[in-house]
Amino acid sequence: MAVVDFDVHHGNGTQAAFEDDDSLFLASIHQMPLYPGTGAASETGVGNIVNAPVVPHAAREDWRATFAGGLMPALESFRPDLILISAGFDAHRRDPLAHQSLEAEDFAWATRAILEVARRTCSGKVVSALEGGYDLEGLGRSAVAHVAALGED
């Protein structure tokens, strides 16, 4: 099983739960530095953790390049039986908790990238759970874009 975590914080405990179990995989993109201060690229567990920190105010294109080049190849190499998406929308540009520049369509793009890997590795088996977002407009638009992407063929 693999978890792909896209949000602005790295502090949800998944890394601590996974880091000693090589049958589990975590790919996380998050702003750094930011509370709680974990999630450095050097934190790799037993080779099953891939952290892709991005700087505050990173350009959307840089975020996408980091996601596509830093997370997706490692996820595909792991060949999970199931992918869980920890979908946090607090990296939206409107969100008050961090300093990212993402728009709703960036989350749809990331969802499609995950689905492409899922189709190749685990017969498209994906489960998504809402993790966060604190600007209601940004959260709503991003969640709708994410769910719409999940429903595309």
Protein backbone atom coordinates (compact mmCIF):
# COMPACT_ATOMS: atom_id res chain seq x y z
CA MET A 1 0.00 0.00 0.00
CA ALA A 2 1.15 3.54 -0.74
CA VAL A 3 0.03 6.95 0.46
CA VAL A 4 0.47 10.08 -1.62
CA ASP A 5 0.13 13.13 0.59
CA PHE A 6 -0.30 16.52 -1.04
CA ASP A 7 -0.85 19.38 1.31
CA VAL A 8 1.16 22.11 2.92
CA HIS A 9 2.09 20.46 6.25
CA HIS A 10 4.08 17.32 6.86
CA GLY A 11 2.81 16.60 10.35
CA ASN A 12 0.00 14.06 10.00
CA GLY A 13 1.95 11.12 11.47
CA THR A 14 1.96 8.91 8.37
CA GLN A 15 5.74 9.02 8.06
CA ALA A 16 6.20 7.92 11.67
CA ALA A 17 3.74 5.07 11.16
CA PHE A 18 5.36 3.89 7.90
CA GLU A 19 9.08 4.56 8.27
CA ASP A 20 10.06 1.12 9.63
CA ASP A 21 7.81 -1.01 7.39
CA ASP A 22 9.11 -1.59 3.87
CA SER A 23 5.74 -3.01 2.77
CA LEU A 24 4.32 0.53 3.02
CA PHE A 25 5.27 3.60 0.99
CA LEU A 26 4.78 7.33 1.52
CA ALA A 27 5.24 10.08 -1.05
CA SER A 28 4.74 13.56 0.40
CA ILE A 29 4.98 17.04 -1.08
CA HIS A 30 4.77 19.89 1.41
CA GLN A 31 6.08 23.36 2.19
CA MET A 32 9.35 23.54 4.06
CA PRO A 33 10.20 25.18 6.34
CA LEU A 34 6.88 24.97 8.14
CA TYR A 35 5.52 23.40 11.32
CA PRO A 36 6.29 20.75 12.52
CA GLY A 37 9.70 20.87 10.84
CA THR A 38 9.73 17.28 9.58
CA GLY A 39 9.68 16.00 6.03
CA ALA A 40 13.18 16.74 4.82
CA ALA A 41 14.22 14.94 1.65
CA SER A 42 16.84 13.12 3.73
CA GLU A 43 14.11 11.43 5.83
CA THR A 44 13.67 8.19 3.89
CA GLY A 45 12.63 5.59 6.46
CA VAL A 46 13.85 2.18 5.25
CA GLY A 47 13.87 3.44 1.67
CA ASN A 48 10.07 3.67 1.58
CA ILE A 49 9.61 7.39 2.28
CA VAL A 50 10.00 10.08 -0.39
CA ASN A 51 9.66 13.64 0.85
CA ALA A 52 9.57 16.42 -1.72
CA PRO A 53 9.66 19.70 0.19
CA VAL A 54 8.94 22.93 -1.68
CA VAL A 55 9.88 26.43 -0.61
CA PRO A 56 7.32 29.05 0.42
CA HIS A 57 5.80 30.84 -2.56
CA ALA A 58 7.04 28.18 -4.98
CA ALA A 59 5.74 28.73 -8.49
CA ARG A 60 2.98 26.36 -9.53
CA GLU A 61 5.21 25.02 -12.31
CA ASP A 62 7.95 24.24 -9.79
CA TRP A 63 5.46 22.45 -7.52
CA ARG A 64 4.23 20.38 -10.46
CA ALA A 65 7.79 19.53 -11.56
CA THR A 66 8.66 18.44 -8.02
CA PHE A 67 5.51 16.33 -7.78
CA ALA A 68 5.96 14.70 -11.19
CA GLY A 69 9.72 14.18 -11.01
CA GLY A 70 10.20 13.63 -7.30
CA LEU A 71 7.20 11.56 -6.29
CA MET A 72 5.60 9.77 -9.23
CA PRO A 73 8.64 7.74 -10.42
CA ALA A 74 9.25 6.49 -6.87
CA LEU A 75 5.56 5.63 -6.44
CA GLU A 76 5.56 3.68 -9.68
CA SER A 77 8.77 1.84 -8.73
CA PHE A 78 7.17 0.73 -5.46
CA ARG A 79 4.32 -0.92 -7.42
CA PRO A 80 1.62 -0.64 -4.74
CA ASP A 81 -1.49 -2.81 -4.61
CA LEU A 82 -3.52 0.23 -3.54
CA ILE A 83 -2.87 3.98 -3.45
CA LEU A 84 -4.39 6.17 -0.76
CA ILE A 85 -4.49 9.89 -1.47
CA SER A 86 -4.21 12.11 1.57
CA ALA A 87 -5.75 15.13 -0.13
CA GLY A 88 -5.04 18.36 1.66
CA PHE A 89 -5.97 21.58 -0.08
CA ASP A 90 -4.22 24.00 2.26
CA ALA A 91 -1.54 24.57 -0.40
CA HIS A 92 -4.16 26.57 -2.32
CA ARG A 93 -3.08 30.17 -2.88
CA ARG A 94 -6.03 31.49 -0.83
CA ASP A 95 -5.29 29.37 2.24
CA PRO A 96 -4.18 31.39 5.28
CA LEU A 97 -1.95 28.74 6.89
CA ALA A 98 0.91 28.58 4.43
CA HIS A 99 2.51 30.25 1.46
CA GLN A 100 1.86 28.24 -1.66
CA SER A 101 0.49 29.31 -5.02
CA LEU A 102 -1.64 26.38 -6.13
CA GLU A 103 -5.00 26.68 -7.84
CA ALA A 104 -7.78 24.08 -7.99
CA GLU A 105 -6.57 22.82 -11.37
CA ASP A 106 -3.17 21.96 -9.86
CA PHE A 107 -4.85 19.49 -7.51
CA ALA A 108 -6.79 17.99 -10.43
CA TRP A 109 -3.50 17.67 -12.35
CA ALA A 110 -1.85 15.91 -9.37
CA THR A 111 -4.83 13.59 -9.04
CA ARG A 112 -4.56 12.64 -12.71
CA ALA A 113 -0.83 11.94 -12.28
CA ILE A 114 -1.58 9.59 -9.37
CA LEU A 115 -4.32 7.87 -11.36
CA GLU A 116 -1.93 7.26 -14.26
CA VAL A 117 0.46 5.47 -11.92
CA ALA A 118 -2.44 3.57 -10.32
CA ARG A 119 -3.62 2.30 -13.71
CA ARG A 120 -0.13 0.95 -14.45
CA THR A 121 0.57 -0.55 -11.03
CA CYS A 122 -2.61 -1.54 -9.18
CA SER A 123 -5.47 -1.76 -11.67
CA GLY A 124 -6.46 1.82 -10.85
CA LYS A 125 -7.24 1.13 -7.18
CA VAL A 126 -7.26 4.51 -5.43
CA VAL A 127 -8.94 5.77 -2.27
CA SER A 128 -8.95 9.47 -1.43
CA ALA A 129 -9.51 11.14 1.93
CA LEU A 130 -9.85 14.86 2.61
CA GLU A 131 -7.08 16.05 4.86
CA GLY A 132 -7.34 19.80 5.13
CA GLY A 133 -7.90 23.24 3.75
CA TYR A 134 -8.81 26.36 5.67
CA ASP A 135 -10.09 28.79 3.08
CA LEU A 136 -13.60 27.61 2.26
CA GLU A 137 -13.60 28.93 -1.31
CA GLY A 138 -10.19 27.43 -2.12
CA LEU A 139 -11.07 24.19 -0.34
CA GLY A 140 -14.40 23.87 -2.15
CA ARG A 141 -13.00 24.55 -5.61
CA SER A 142 -10.01 22.27 -5.04
CA ALA A 143 -12.11 19.40 -3.66
CA VAL A 144 -14.49 19.63 -6.61
CA ALA A 145 -11.58 19.61 -9.07
CA HIS A 146 -10.01 16.64 -7.27
CA VAL A 147 -13.23 14.60 -7.22
CA ALA A 148 -13.93 15.43 -10.87
CA ALA A 149 -10.44 14.21 -11.81
CA LEU A 150 -11.03 11.01 -9.84
CA GLY A 151 -14.11 10.39 -11.99
CA GLU A 152 -12.41 10.89 -15.35
CA ASP A 153 -11.53 7.94 -17.55
